[in-house]
Amino acid sequence: MAKKVVATLKTGKGKDFTKVIKMIKSPKTGAYAFREEIVHNDHIADFLKSK
């Protein structure tokens, strides 16, 4: 998977995307989990607002 991401970033269109990591707390156990996605720069705020 890393090879695909690196290859995409080299084309110049990769600057439009950002890897976003969000920490989410589990309601049952109270443990934290991390959700990460590669999101278009225009949709970063939407990703962080969503659960």
Protein backbone atom coordinates (compact mmCIF):
# COMPACT_ATOMS: atom_id res chain seq x y z
CA MET A 1 0.00 0.00 0.00
CA ALA A 2 2.81 2.42 0.77
CA LYS A 3 4.16 2.07 -2.74
CA LYS A 4 0.82 3.18 -4.21
CA VAL A 5 0.67 6.24 -1.95
CA VAL A 6 4.24 7.26 -2.78
CA ALA A 7 3.60 6.77 -6.50
CA THR A 8 0.46 8.92 -6.29
CA LEU A 9 2.27 11.71 -4.46
CA LYS A 10 4.96 11.90 -7.15
CA THR A 11 2.46 12.82 -9.90
CA GLY A 12 1.82 16.29 -8.46
CA LYS A 13 -1.82 15.64 -7.67
CA GLY A 14 -0.80 14.26 -4.27
CA LYS A 15 -0.44 17.79 -2.91
CA ASP A 16 -4.24 18.01 -2.94
CA PHE A 17 -4.48 15.21 -0.36
CA THR A 18 -3.51 14.95 3.30
CA LYS A 19 -3.26 11.97 5.64
CA VAL A 20 -5.51 12.73 8.61
CA ILE A 21 -5.40 10.78 11.89
CA LYS A 22 -8.30 11.10 14.34
CA MET A 23 -8.38 9.68 17.87
CA ILE A 24 -11.73 8.09 18.80
CA LYS A 25 -12.75 6.94 22.29
CA SER A 26 -14.77 3.72 22.53
CA PRO A 27 -18.01 4.24 24.51
CA LYS A 28 -17.95 0.63 25.84
CA THR A 29 -14.37 0.20 27.04
CA GLY A 30 -13.10 3.76 27.19
CA ALA A 31 -10.05 2.76 25.15
CA TYR A 32 -8.79 5.00 22.38
CA ALA A 33 -8.48 3.93 18.76
CA PHE A 34 -7.00 5.78 15.83
CA ARG A 35 -8.77 6.24 12.50
CA GLU A 36 -6.62 7.39 9.62
CA GLU A 37 -7.53 8.24 6.05
CA ILE A 38 -6.11 10.09 3.11
CA VAL A 39 -8.54 12.96 2.53
CA HIS A 40 -8.75 15.74 -0.04
CA ASN A 41 -7.71 19.09 1.47
CA ASP A 42 -11.22 20.50 0.99
CA HIS A 43 -12.76 17.74 3.15
CA ILE A 44 -10.45 17.72 6.18
CA ALA A 45 -12.87 19.63 8.41
CA ASP A 46 -15.72 17.29 7.44
CA PHE A 47 -13.60 14.25 8.35
CA LEU A 48 -12.69 15.68 11.76
CA LYS A 49 -16.33 16.57 12.55
CA SER A 50 -17.64 13.09 11.67
CA LYS A 51 -17.59 10.19 14.12
